């Protein structure tokens, strides 16, 4: 993220009806995108920002083929690729018809499986 500031106007007296003086190396205005590198009436700073960036991967355990009644396992991993800790993360596994939840750390919510993380 960036934040910019620019001199948008100036004058050397209190008379609003006369022409303001000329700045020899900049053009005061309200557009901070029209200044070349020689102008000194505008400056921009980069703002380092902390952010959340959670990523999820789901991998099937085994190769199949699978048959009705088989136990099928999945590895689900959540990683934090951001700079801030993430708290109270909830994962929902959208369970299709025909699969039955067997993981003891998961809870059933309707037809889905839900897991609660604390912090990553």
N, C-alpha and C. Protein backbone atom coordinates (compact mmCIF):
# COMPACT_ATOMS: atom_id res chain seq x y z
N UNK A 1 0.85 -1.16 0.00
CA UNK A 1 0.00 0.00 0.00
C UNK A 1 0.90 1.23 0.00
N UNK A 2 0.43 2.27 -0.66
CA UNK A 2 1.16 3.52 -0.71
C UNK A 2 0.30 4.66 -0.18
N UNK A 3 0.96 5.70 0.31
CA UNK A 3 0.28 6.92 0.72
C UNK A 3 1.05 8.09 0.14
N UNK A 4 0.34 9.01 -0.51
CA UNK A 4 0.98 10.15 -1.17
C UNK A 4 0.48 11.45 -0.59
N UNK A 5 1.32 12.47 -0.71
CA UNK A 5 0.95 13.85 -0.35
C UNK A 5 1.53 14.76 -1.42
N UNK A 6 0.81 15.86 -1.70
CA UNK A 6 1.26 16.79 -2.73
C UNK A 6 0.84 18.20 -2.35
N UNK A 7 1.68 19.17 -2.66
CA UNK A 7 1.31 20.57 -2.49
C UNK A 7 0.29 20.87 -3.58
N UNK A 8 -0.91 21.24 -3.18
CA UNK A 8 -1.97 21.46 -4.16
C UNK A 8 -2.18 22.94 -4.46
N UNK A 9 -1.68 23.83 -3.61
CA UNK A 9 -1.80 25.27 -3.85
C UNK A 9 -0.86 25.99 -2.90
N UNK A 10 -0.47 27.21 -3.28
CA UNK A 10 0.31 28.06 -2.38
C UNK A 10 0.20 29.49 -2.88
N UNK A 11 0.51 30.44 -2.01
CA UNK A 11 0.48 31.86 -2.37
C UNK A 11 1.43 32.58 -1.44
N UNK A 12 1.88 33.76 -1.86
CA UNK A 12 2.82 34.50 -1.02
C UNK A 12 2.19 35.73 -0.36
N UNK A 13 0.86 35.84 -0.51
CA UNK A 13 0.16 36.93 0.18
C UNK A 13 -1.27 36.48 0.47
N UNK A 14 -2.07 37.37 1.03
CA UNK A 14 -3.44 37.01 1.40
C UNK A 14 -4.47 37.48 0.38
N UNK A 15 -4.04 37.99 -0.78
CA UNK A 15 -4.97 38.47 -1.81
C UNK A 15 -5.36 37.30 -2.71
N UNK A 16 -6.61 36.83 -2.62
CA UNK A 16 -7.02 35.67 -3.42
C UNK A 16 -7.22 35.99 -4.90
N UNK A 17 -7.20 37.30 -5.28
CA UNK A 17 -7.50 37.67 -6.67
C UNK A 17 -6.26 37.80 -7.54
N UNK A 18 -5.06 37.79 -6.98
CA UNK A 18 -3.88 37.91 -7.82
C UNK A 18 -3.30 36.53 -8.13
N UNK A 19 -2.45 36.46 -9.12
CA UNK A 19 -1.79 35.21 -9.51
C UNK A 19 -0.79 34.79 -8.43
N UNK A 20 -0.80 33.50 -8.06
CA UNK A 20 0.21 33.06 -7.11
C UNK A 20 1.59 33.04 -7.77
N UNK A 21 2.64 33.06 -6.98
CA UNK A 21 3.98 33.02 -7.56
C UNK A 21 4.23 31.68 -8.28
N UNK A 22 5.22 31.67 -9.13
CA UNK A 22 5.58 30.46 -9.87
C UNK A 22 6.64 29.68 -9.11
N UNK A 23 6.40 28.38 -8.96
CA UNK A 23 7.40 27.50 -8.37
C UNK A 23 8.29 27.04 -9.52
N UNK A 24 9.59 27.18 -9.40
CA UNK A 24 10.49 26.93 -10.51
C UNK A 24 10.60 25.46 -10.91
N UNK A 25 10.26 24.55 -10.01
CA UNK A 25 10.46 23.15 -10.38
C UNK A 25 9.26 22.25 -10.09
N UNK A 26 8.08 22.81 -9.89
CA UNK A 26 6.91 21.96 -9.69
C UNK A 26 5.64 22.71 -10.05
N UNK A 27 4.58 21.94 -10.27
CA UNK A 27 3.28 22.49 -10.64
C UNK A 27 2.25 22.07 -9.60
N UNK A 28 1.94 22.95 -8.65
CA UNK A 28 0.96 22.57 -7.64
C UNK A 28 -0.39 22.22 -8.29
N UNK A 29 -0.94 21.11 -7.93
CA UNK A 29 -2.24 20.68 -8.41
C UNK A 29 -2.72 19.55 -7.50
N UNK A 30 -3.82 18.94 -7.84
CA UNK A 30 -4.36 17.86 -7.01
C UNK A 30 -4.19 16.50 -7.67
N UNK A 31 -3.35 16.39 -8.69
CA UNK A 31 -3.12 15.12 -9.37
C UNK A 31 -1.70 14.67 -9.09
N UNK A 32 -1.52 13.67 -8.21
CA UNK A 32 -0.15 13.25 -7.86
C UNK A 32 0.42 12.26 -8.87
N UNK A 33 -0.27 12.03 -9.97
CA UNK A 33 0.24 11.11 -11.00
C UNK A 33 0.81 11.84 -12.21
N UNK A 34 0.88 13.17 -12.20
CA UNK A 34 1.37 13.89 -13.37
C UNK A 34 2.72 14.55 -13.14
N UNK A 35 3.41 14.18 -12.08
CA UNK A 35 4.68 14.82 -11.77
C UNK A 35 5.83 13.94 -12.25
N UNK A 36 6.80 14.58 -12.92
CA UNK A 36 7.98 13.81 -13.32
C UNK A 36 8.96 13.75 -12.14
N UNK A 37 10.07 13.08 -12.35
CA UNK A 37 11.02 12.87 -11.26
C UNK A 37 11.70 14.14 -10.78
N UNK A 38 11.63 15.23 -11.58
CA UNK A 38 12.30 16.46 -11.18
C UNK A 38 11.46 17.30 -10.23
N UNK A 39 10.18 17.03 -10.14
CA UNK A 39 9.33 17.83 -9.28
C UNK A 39 9.49 17.41 -7.82
N UNK A 40 9.41 18.40 -6.93
CA UNK A 40 9.58 18.11 -5.51
C UNK A 40 8.35 18.46 -4.69
N UNK A 41 7.18 18.60 -5.35
CA UNK A 41 5.97 18.98 -4.63
C UNK A 41 5.12 17.77 -4.24
N UNK A 42 5.59 16.57 -4.50
CA UNK A 42 4.83 15.37 -4.19
C UNK A 42 5.79 14.31 -3.68
N UNK A 43 5.32 13.52 -2.73
CA UNK A 43 6.13 12.41 -2.25
C UNK A 43 5.20 11.26 -1.84
N UNK A 44 5.68 10.05 -2.05
CA UNK A 44 4.93 8.84 -1.75
C UNK A 44 5.76 7.94 -0.86
N UNK A 45 5.11 7.32 0.11
CA UNK A 45 5.80 6.35 0.96
C UNK A 45 5.07 5.02 0.87
N UNK A 46 5.84 3.95 0.92
CA UNK A 46 5.27 2.61 0.98
C UNK A 46 4.92 2.30 2.43
N UNK A 47 3.73 1.74 2.63
CA UNK A 47 3.29 1.37 3.97
C UNK A 47 3.34 -0.14 4.10
N UNK A 48 4.26 -0.66 4.89
CA UNK A 48 4.27 -2.11 5.09
C UNK A 48 3.00 -2.51 5.84
N UNK A 49 2.33 -3.51 5.35
CA UNK A 49 1.07 -3.93 5.94
C UNK A 49 1.15 -5.39 6.37
N UNK A 50 0.64 -5.68 7.55
CA UNK A 50 0.46 -7.06 7.96
C UNK A 50 -0.83 -7.57 7.33
N UNK A 51 -0.88 -8.85 7.03
CA UNK A 51 -2.05 -9.38 6.34
C UNK A 51 -2.26 -10.85 6.66
N UNK A 52 -3.49 -11.30 6.42
CA UNK A 52 -3.84 -12.71 6.52
C UNK A 52 -3.77 -13.32 5.13
N UNK A 53 -3.26 -14.52 5.04
CA UNK A 53 -3.25 -15.24 3.77
C UNK A 53 -3.25 -16.73 4.08
N UNK A 54 -4.45 -17.27 4.26
CA UNK A 54 -4.58 -18.68 4.60
C UNK A 54 -4.70 -19.50 3.32
N UNK A 55 -4.07 -20.67 3.33
CA UNK A 55 -4.13 -21.58 2.18
C UNK A 55 -4.53 -22.96 2.69
N UNK A 56 -5.32 -23.67 1.91
CA UNK A 56 -5.79 -25.00 2.28
C UNK A 56 -5.43 -25.98 1.17
N UNK A 57 -4.93 -27.13 1.57
CA UNK A 57 -4.72 -28.24 0.63
C UNK A 57 -5.44 -29.46 1.16
N UNK A 58 -6.02 -30.22 0.25
CA UNK A 58 -6.72 -31.45 0.62
C UNK A 58 -6.20 -32.56 -0.28
N UNK A 59 -5.71 -33.63 0.34
CA UNK A 59 -5.09 -34.73 -0.41
C UNK A 59 -5.80 -36.03 -0.03
N UNK A 60 -6.14 -36.80 -1.04
CA UNK A 60 -6.77 -38.10 -0.85
C UNK A 60 -5.73 -39.10 -0.37
N UNK A 61 -6.04 -39.82 0.70
CA UNK A 61 -5.16 -40.90 1.18
C UNK A 61 -5.52 -42.16 0.38
N UNK A 62 -4.56 -42.69 -0.31
CA UNK A 62 -4.81 -43.88 -1.13
C UNK A 62 -5.12 -43.50 -2.56
N UNK A 63 -5.19 -44.54 -3.40
CA UNK A 63 -5.38 -44.28 -4.82
C UNK A 63 -6.69 -44.84 -5.36
N UNK A 64 -7.35 -45.69 -4.60
CA UNK A 64 -8.60 -46.29 -5.08
C UNK A 64 -8.30 -47.36 -6.13
N UNK A 65 -9.26 -47.94 -6.73
CA UNK A 65 -10.65 -47.52 -6.67
C UNK A 65 -11.27 -47.82 -5.32
N UNK A 66 -12.28 -47.05 -4.98
CA UNK A 66 -12.97 -47.21 -3.71
C UNK A 66 -14.36 -47.78 -3.98
N UNK A 67 -14.87 -48.48 -2.97
CA UNK A 67 -16.17 -49.14 -3.12
C UNK A 67 -17.07 -48.74 -1.96
N UNK A 68 -18.39 -48.87 -2.14
CA UNK A 68 -19.31 -48.54 -1.04
C UNK A 68 -18.91 -49.27 0.23
N UNK A 69 -18.87 -48.53 1.33
CA UNK A 69 -18.50 -49.10 2.62
C UNK A 69 -17.03 -48.93 2.94
N UNK A 70 -16.21 -48.56 1.95
CA UNK A 70 -14.78 -48.34 2.21
C UNK A 70 -14.58 -47.10 3.08
N UNK A 71 -13.54 -47.13 3.88
CA UNK A 71 -13.12 -45.94 4.62
C UNK A 71 -12.13 -45.19 3.74
N UNK A 72 -12.43 -43.93 3.49
CA UNK A 72 -11.59 -43.08 2.64
C UNK A 72 -11.05 -41.96 3.52
N UNK A 73 -9.75 -41.76 3.49
CA UNK A 73 -9.14 -40.71 4.31
C UNK A 73 -8.67 -39.54 3.48
N UNK A 74 -8.70 -38.40 4.09
CA UNK A 74 -8.20 -37.18 3.45
C UNK A 74 -7.27 -36.48 4.42
N UNK A 75 -6.21 -35.90 3.92
CA UNK A 75 -5.35 -35.02 4.70
C UNK A 75 -5.70 -33.60 4.31
N UNK A 76 -6.10 -32.80 5.28
CA UNK A 76 -6.39 -31.39 5.04
C UNK A 76 -5.40 -30.58 5.86
N UNK A 77 -4.70 -29.70 5.19
CA UNK A 77 -3.71 -28.87 5.86
C UNK A 77 -3.99 -27.40 5.56
N UNK A 78 -3.99 -26.60 6.61
CA UNK A 78 -4.14 -25.16 6.47
C UNK A 78 -2.84 -24.52 6.88
N UNK A 79 -2.32 -23.64 6.04
CA UNK A 79 -1.10 -22.91 6.36
C UNK A 79 -1.37 -21.42 6.29
N UNK A 80 -0.62 -20.70 7.07
CA UNK A 80 -0.74 -19.24 7.09
C UNK A 80 0.46 -18.67 6.33
N UNK A 81 0.19 -18.11 5.17
CA UNK A 81 1.24 -17.52 4.34
C UNK A 81 1.35 -16.01 4.57
N UNK A 82 0.58 -15.51 5.52
CA UNK A 82 0.58 -14.08 5.82
C UNK A 82 1.50 -13.76 6.97
N UNK A 83 1.41 -12.52 7.41
CA UNK A 83 2.28 -12.05 8.48
C UNK A 83 1.56 -11.94 9.82
N UNK A 84 0.23 -12.09 9.82
CA UNK A 84 -0.55 -12.04 11.06
C UNK A 84 -1.00 -13.43 11.46
N UNK A 85 -1.02 -13.72 12.76
CA UNK A 85 -1.59 -14.97 13.23
C UNK A 85 -3.09 -14.97 12.94
N UNK A 86 -3.60 -16.11 12.56
CA UNK A 86 -5.03 -16.26 12.31
C UNK A 86 -5.62 -17.07 13.45
N UNK A 87 -6.71 -16.59 13.99
CA UNK A 87 -7.37 -17.23 15.12
C UNK A 87 -8.78 -17.69 14.74
N UNK A 88 -9.27 -18.66 15.48
CA UNK A 88 -10.66 -19.14 15.34
C UNK A 88 -10.99 -19.51 13.89
N UNK A 89 -10.13 -20.31 13.31
CA UNK A 89 -10.32 -20.74 11.92
C UNK A 89 -11.28 -21.92 11.90
N UNK A 90 -12.22 -21.88 10.99
CA UNK A 90 -13.17 -22.98 10.83
C UNK A 90 -13.03 -23.53 9.41
N UNK A 91 -12.90 -24.85 9.32
CA UNK A 91 -12.82 -25.53 8.03
C UNK A 91 -14.12 -26.30 7.83
N UNK A 92 -14.71 -26.15 6.67
CA UNK A 92 -15.89 -26.93 6.32
C UNK A 92 -15.51 -27.84 5.17
N UNK A 93 -15.72 -29.14 5.37
CA UNK A 93 -15.50 -30.14 4.31
C UNK A 93 -16.88 -30.48 3.77
N UNK A 94 -17.13 -30.12 2.51
CA UNK A 94 -18.43 -30.32 1.90
C UNK A 94 -18.55 -31.79 1.49
N UNK A 95 -19.18 -32.54 2.34
CA UNK A 95 -19.25 -33.99 2.22
C UNK A 95 -20.35 -34.40 1.24
N UNK A 96 -19.99 -35.07 0.15
CA UNK A 96 -21.02 -35.48 -0.80
C UNK A 96 -21.84 -36.66 -0.26
N UNK A 97 -23.02 -36.84 -0.83
CA UNK A 97 -23.88 -37.96 -0.43
C UNK A 97 -23.11 -39.26 -0.61
N UNK A 98 -23.26 -40.17 0.33
CA UNK A 98 -22.59 -41.47 0.26
C UNK A 98 -21.35 -41.56 1.13
N UNK A 99 -20.82 -40.42 1.59
CA UNK A 99 -19.68 -40.45 2.49
C UNK A 99 -20.17 -40.22 3.91
N UNK A 100 -19.51 -40.86 4.85
CA UNK A 100 -19.88 -40.74 6.26
C UNK A 100 -18.65 -40.26 7.02
N UNK A 101 -18.84 -39.26 7.86
CA UNK A 101 -17.75 -38.70 8.66
C UNK A 101 -17.33 -39.69 9.73
N UNK A 102 -16.01 -39.95 9.80
CA UNK A 102 -15.49 -40.82 10.85
C UNK A 102 -14.42 -40.14 11.70
N UNK A 103 -13.97 -38.95 11.33
CA UNK A 103 -12.93 -38.26 12.08
C UNK A 103 -13.45 -37.74 13.41
N UNK A 104 -12.81 -38.11 14.50
CA UNK A 104 -13.29 -37.74 15.83
C UNK A 104 -13.08 -36.26 16.15
N UNK A 105 -12.17 -35.58 15.45
CA UNK A 105 -11.94 -34.16 15.69
C UNK A 105 -12.92 -33.26 14.94
N UNK A 106 -13.71 -33.85 14.07
CA UNK A 106 -14.65 -33.11 13.24
C UNK A 106 -16.06 -33.25 13.81
N UNK A 107 -16.90 -32.26 13.52
CA UNK A 107 -18.30 -32.34 13.91
C UNK A 107 -19.17 -32.26 12.66
N UNK A 108 -20.34 -32.83 12.75
CA UNK A 108 -21.28 -32.82 11.63
C UNK A 108 -22.12 -31.55 11.73
N UNK A 109 -22.24 -30.86 10.60
CA UNK A 109 -23.10 -29.69 10.52
C UNK A 109 -23.93 -29.84 9.25
N UNK A 110 -25.16 -30.29 9.39
CA UNK A 110 -25.98 -30.61 8.23
C UNK A 110 -25.39 -31.82 7.53
N UNK A 111 -25.01 -31.65 6.26
CA UNK A 111 -24.36 -32.74 5.52
C UNK A 111 -22.86 -32.53 5.43
N UNK A 112 -22.34 -31.54 6.12
CA UNK A 112 -20.92 -31.20 6.03
C UNK A 112 -20.18 -31.57 7.31
N UNK A 113 -18.85 -31.60 7.20
CA UNK A 113 -17.99 -31.82 8.35
C UNK A 113 -17.30 -30.50 8.68
N UNK A 114 -17.21 -30.18 9.96
CA UNK A 114 -16.63 -28.90 10.38
C UNK A 114 -15.54 -29.16 11.40
N UNK A 115 -14.41 -28.45 11.23
CA UNK A 115 -13.27 -28.56 12.14
C UNK A 115 -12.92 -27.16 12.62
N UNK A 116 -12.64 -27.03 13.89
CA UNK A 116 -12.27 -25.74 14.48
C UNK A 116 -10.79 -25.71 14.81
N UNK A 117 -10.06 -24.78 14.21
CA UNK A 117 -8.65 -24.51 14.54
C UNK A 117 -8.60 -23.44 15.60
N UNK A 118 -7.54 -23.39 16.35
CA UNK A 118 -7.38 -22.28 17.28
C UNK A 118 -6.56 -21.17 16.66
N UNK A 119 -5.28 -21.41 16.44
CA UNK A 119 -4.39 -20.37 15.90
C UNK A 119 -3.35 -21.01 14.99
N UNK A 120 -3.08 -20.34 13.87
CA UNK A 120 -1.93 -20.74 13.04
C UNK A 120 -1.20 -19.49 12.59
